[in-house]
């Protein structure tokens, strides 16, 4: 009996050909699903947008599941070719950026050969007024691994008199914070996985921006 293995949808299958009893008998072919051998797709997370104002370099950190064994950062697009250092680690240093929008990808591959890719958009602009655009993080993973453990609003520390409110899907207020000394807003401790909502108010308590973000494992 001949056997052939193949993978479909992350599951290992086996094709078995049974030899005929006589020359005139047909060859019997059966396909078996191999029980207990399911490939797991890894998780790869990066911030969706990174704004740079008057800067030409940055560092970006990714977050991946524990089964990832190899990492690779690559430039997807942009107005010029950027320089990537430590492109095989979670934190990549990107330099030689010019004004415009760049996209970079982080791909993580596990020992089964399964991979996942996340894309980050880097927006490089000049802003003589020095007014930073606030960028709330879209996803964070407070699992204590030291990466992406807090929900941040980039540049909120430049506006210490702003107020940030975080609510759950039922409208229950979980955080109300002002006087920011860093970009960290919430550590997510005691909260379940799912969607959360925020309101940013300016120094006059007028609504500046609202939106949602996700807490993942």
Protein backbone atom coordinates (compact mmCIF):
# COMPACT_ATOMS: atom_id res chain seq x y z
CA UNK A 1 0.00 0.00 0.00
CA UNK A 2 1.35 3.42 -0.99
CA UNK A 3 0.79 6.44 1.26
CA UNK A 4 1.06 10.14 0.43
CA UNK A 5 0.86 13.03 2.93
CA UNK A 6 -0.41 16.54 2.24
CA UNK A 7 -1.60 19.57 4.22
CA UNK A 8 -4.95 21.30 3.65
CA UNK A 9 -6.31 24.05 5.87
CA UNK A 10 -3.61 23.46 8.45
CA UNK A 11 -4.50 19.74 8.82
CA UNK A 12 -2.36 16.78 7.77
CA UNK A 13 -4.09 14.27 5.46
CA UNK A 14 -2.97 10.87 4.19
CA UNK A 15 -3.83 9.30 0.82
CA UNK A 16 -3.58 5.50 0.83
CA UNK A 17 -3.62 3.47 -2.39
CA UNK A 18 -4.55 -0.19 -1.96
CA UNK A 19 -3.03 -2.54 -4.52
CA UNK A 20 -5.61 -4.56 -6.55
CA UNK A 21 -5.99 -8.30 -6.04
CA UNK A 22 -5.82 -8.84 -9.80
CA UNK A 23 -4.83 -6.89 -12.87
CA UNK A 24 -8.48 -6.21 -13.71
CA UNK A 25 -9.42 -4.99 -10.22
CA UNK A 26 -9.48 -1.21 -9.60
CA UNK A 27 -6.96 0.58 -7.41
CA UNK A 28 -8.72 1.73 -4.25
CA UNK A 29 -7.78 5.21 -2.99
CA UNK A 30 -8.77 6.48 0.45
CA UNK A 31 -8.08 9.83 2.11
CA UNK A 32 -7.57 9.86 5.88
CA UNK A 33 -7.51 12.92 8.13
CA UNK A 34 -4.60 12.48 10.50
CA UNK A 35 -6.05 13.00 13.99
CA UNK A 36 -4.12 15.13 16.49
CA UNK A 37 -1.84 16.89 14.00
CA UNK A 38 -3.25 20.38 13.45
CA UNK A 39 -0.97 23.26 12.47
CA UNK A 40 -1.37 26.44 14.54
CA UNK A 41 -1.12 29.80 12.81
CA UNK A 42 1.02 32.22 14.86
CA UNK A 43 -0.09 35.67 16.03
CA UNK A 44 1.76 38.82 14.93
CA UNK A 45 0.74 42.32 16.13
CA UNK A 46 2.12 45.79 15.39
CA UNK A 47 0.69 49.29 15.77
CA UNK A 48 -1.34 50.23 12.71
CA UNK A 49 0.01 53.79 12.37
CA UNK A 50 3.23 55.46 13.58
CA UNK A 51 3.39 59.24 12.95
CA UNK A 52 6.75 61.01 12.72
CA UNK A 53 6.84 64.79 12.73
CA UNK A 54 10.14 66.33 11.68
CA UNK A 55 12.00 63.05 12.32
CA UNK A 56 13.77 60.72 9.90
CA UNK A 57 14.13 57.57 12.01
CA UNK A 58 12.18 55.50 14.51
CA UNK A 59 12.02 52.19 16.38
CA UNK A 60 8.99 49.93 16.14
CA UNK A 61 8.20 47.01 18.44
CA UNK A 62 6.08 44.04 17.44
CA UNK A 63 4.35 41.42 19.55
CA UNK A 64 4.11 37.73 18.59
CA UNK A 65 2.83 34.48 20.05
CA UNK A 66 5.24 32.21 21.91
CA UNK A 67 5.40 29.62 19.09
CA UNK A 68 7.17 32.00 16.68
CA UNK A 69 10.76 30.94 15.97
CA UNK A 70 11.80 33.36 13.19
CA UNK A 71 11.02 37.03 12.56
CA UNK A 72 11.48 39.27 9.54
CA UNK A 73 10.82 42.98 9.04
CA UNK A 74 10.56 44.25 5.45
CA UNK A 75 9.70 47.49 3.69
CA UNK A 76 6.51 47.13 1.65
CA UNK A 77 6.26 50.58 0.13
CA UNK A 78 7.33 54.19 0.54
CA UNK A 79 8.72 57.27 -1.22
CA UNK A 80 12.33 56.08 -0.71
CA UNK A 81 14.28 53.03 0.39
CA UNK A 82 14.64 53.04 4.17
CA UNK A 83 17.39 51.38 6.21
CA UNK A 84 16.28 48.57 8.55
CA UNK A 85 18.50 47.41 11.40
CA UNK A 86 17.77 44.33 13.54
CA UNK A 87 15.22 43.21 10.96
CA UNK A 88 15.17 39.69 12.44
CA UNK A 89 14.09 40.79 15.93
CA UNK A 90 10.91 42.12 17.55
CA UNK A 91 12.24 45.69 17.60
CA UNK A 92 13.42 47.15 14.31
CA UNK A 93 15.30 50.44 13.88
CA UNK A 94 14.25 52.29 10.74
CA UNK A 95 16.22 55.25 9.39
CA UNK A 96 16.79 57.32 6.20
CA UNK A 97 13.11 58.22 6.04
CA UNK A 98 11.81 61.07 3.90
CA UNK A 99 8.51 62.91 3.99
CA UNK A 100 5.66 60.66 2.92
CA UNK A 101 3.93 57.41 3.90
CA UNK A 102 5.80 54.13 4.33
CA UNK A 103 4.53 50.62 5.02
CA UNK A 104 6.59 47.95 6.78
CA UNK A 105 5.68 44.33 7.49
CA UNK A 106 6.60 41.98 10.34
CA UNK A 107 6.32 38.26 9.53
CA UNK A 108 6.52 35.59 12.21
CA UNK A 109 6.97 31.90 11.39
CA UNK A 110 6.57 28.96 13.78
CA UNK A 111 8.23 25.55 13.81
CA UNK A 112 5.43 24.08 11.64
CA UNK A 113 6.30 26.54 8.88
CA UNK A 114 3.06 28.47 9.39
CA UNK A 115 3.44 32.26 9.23
CA UNK A 116 1.47 35.45 9.83
CA UNK A 117 2.19 39.03 8.79
CA UNK A 118 1.19 42.41 10.22
CA UNK A 119 1.59 45.79 8.52
CA UNK A 120 2.51 49.13 10.13
CA UNK A 121 2.16 52.48 8.37
CA UNK A 122 4.79 55.14 9.12
CA UNK A 123 3.75 58.68 8.24
CA UNK A 124 6.58 61.19 8.03
CA UNK A 125 5.49 64.83 7.96
CA UNK A 126 6.89 68.29 8.64
CA UNK A 127 4.90 70.40 11.06
CA UNK A 128 6.35 73.84 11.85
CA UNK A 129 3.72 74.48 14.51
CA UNK A 130 4.96 71.50 16.52
CA UNK A 131 1.41 70.23 17.14
CA UNK A 132 1.60 66.45 17.48
CA UNK A 133 -1.26 64.31 16.17
CA UNK A 134 -2.58 61.99 18.88
CA UNK A 135 -2.54 58.33 17.83
CA UNK A 136 -4.45 55.89 20.10
CA UNK A 137 -3.19 52.31 19.93
CA UNK A 138 -5.63 49.97 18.16
CA UNK A 139 -4.62 46.71 19.87
CA UNK A 140 -2.80 45.80 23.07
CA UNK A 141 -2.01 42.52 24.81
CA UNK A 142 -1.60 42.85 28.62
CA UNK A 143 -0.19 39.36 29.17
CA UNK A 144 2.96 40.38 31.06
CA UNK A 145 5.46 39.45 28.34
CA UNK A 146 6.91 42.95 28.25
CA UNK A 147 5.63 43.76 24.76
CA UNK A 148 2.52 45.79 23.96
CA UNK A 149 1.31 45.38 27.56
CA UNK A 150 -0.35 48.80 27.89
CA UNK A 151 -2.86 50.86 25.94
CA UNK A 152 -1.13 54.07 24.92
CA UNK A 153 -2.02 57.25 23.07
CA UNK A 154 1.07 58.43 21.26
CA UNK A 155 1.92 62.08 22.10
CA UNK A 156 -0.79 62.42 24.79
CA UNK A 157 2.03 63.49 27.13
CA UNK A 158 2.42 66.64 25.01
CA UNK A 159 -1.10 67.64 26.13
CA UNK A 160 -1.10 67.03 29.89
CA UNK A 161 -4.40 68.90 30.42
CA UNK A 162 -6.36 66.58 28.15
CA UNK A 163 -8.64 63.94 29.68
CA UNK A 164 -9.00 60.34 28.49
CA UNK A 165 -11.98 58.14 29.40
CA UNK A 166 -12.04 54.38 28.71
CA UNK A 167 -15.32 52.42 28.76
CA UNK A 168 -16.36 48.82 28.20
CA UNK A 169 -18.96 47.70 25.63
CA UNK A 170 -21.78 48.44 28.11
CA UNK A 171 -20.66 52.02 28.66
CA UNK A 172 -19.17 51.41 32.11
CA UNK A 173 -16.34 53.86 32.81
CA UNK A 174 -13.09 52.02 33.59
CA UNK A 175 -10.54 54.84 33.36
CA UNK A 176 -10.66 58.63 33.60
CA UNK A 177 -7.20 60.12 33.52
CA UNK A 178 -5.53 63.50 33.03
CA UNK A 179 -2.15 65.16 33.77
CA UNK A 180 -0.21 62.76 31.55
CA UNK A 181 3.54 62.43 32.06
CA UNK A 182 3.87 59.57 29.56
CA UNK A 183 1.86 58.09 26.68
CA UNK A 184 0.58 55.19 28.82
CA UNK A 185 -3.14 55.39 29.61
CA UNK A 186 -4.30 51.95 30.83
CA UNK A 187 -2.71 48.63 31.81
CA UNK A 188 -5.91 46.61 31.25
CA UNK A 189 -5.56 44.76 34.55
CA UNK A 190 -8.73 42.91 35.55
CA UNK A 191 -10.39 43.48 32.17
CA UNK A 192 -11.58 40.76 29.82
CA UNK A 193 -10.71 40.37 26.17
CA UNK A 194 -12.74 42.29 23.64
CA UNK A 195 -13.55 45.77 22.36
CA UNK A 196 -13.25 48.94 24.47
CA UNK A 197 -14.09 52.55 23.73
CA UNK A 198 -12.38 55.86 24.47
CA UNK A 199 -13.19 59.55 24.60
CA UNK A 200 -10.47 62.21 24.50
CA UNK A 201 -11.42 65.65 25.81
CA UNK A 202 -9.38 68.83 25.43
CA UNK A 203 -8.41 71.26 28.21
CA UNK A 204 -11.88 72.82 27.98
CA UNK A 205 -13.52 69.39 28.38
CA UNK A 206 -14.76 69.45 24.80
CA UNK A 207 -14.78 66.16 22.89
CA UNK A 208 -11.60 65.99 20.83
CA UNK A 209 -11.74 62.41 19.54
CA UNK A 210 -13.60 59.13 20.12
CA UNK A 211 -12.96 55.59 18.96
CA UNK A 212 -12.42 51.97 19.90
CA UNK A 213 -9.57 49.52 20.45
CA UNK A 214 -9.14 45.82 21.23
CA UNK A 215 -7.70 43.95 24.19
CA UNK A 216 -6.29 40.61 23.03
CA UNK A 217 -4.51 37.71 24.72
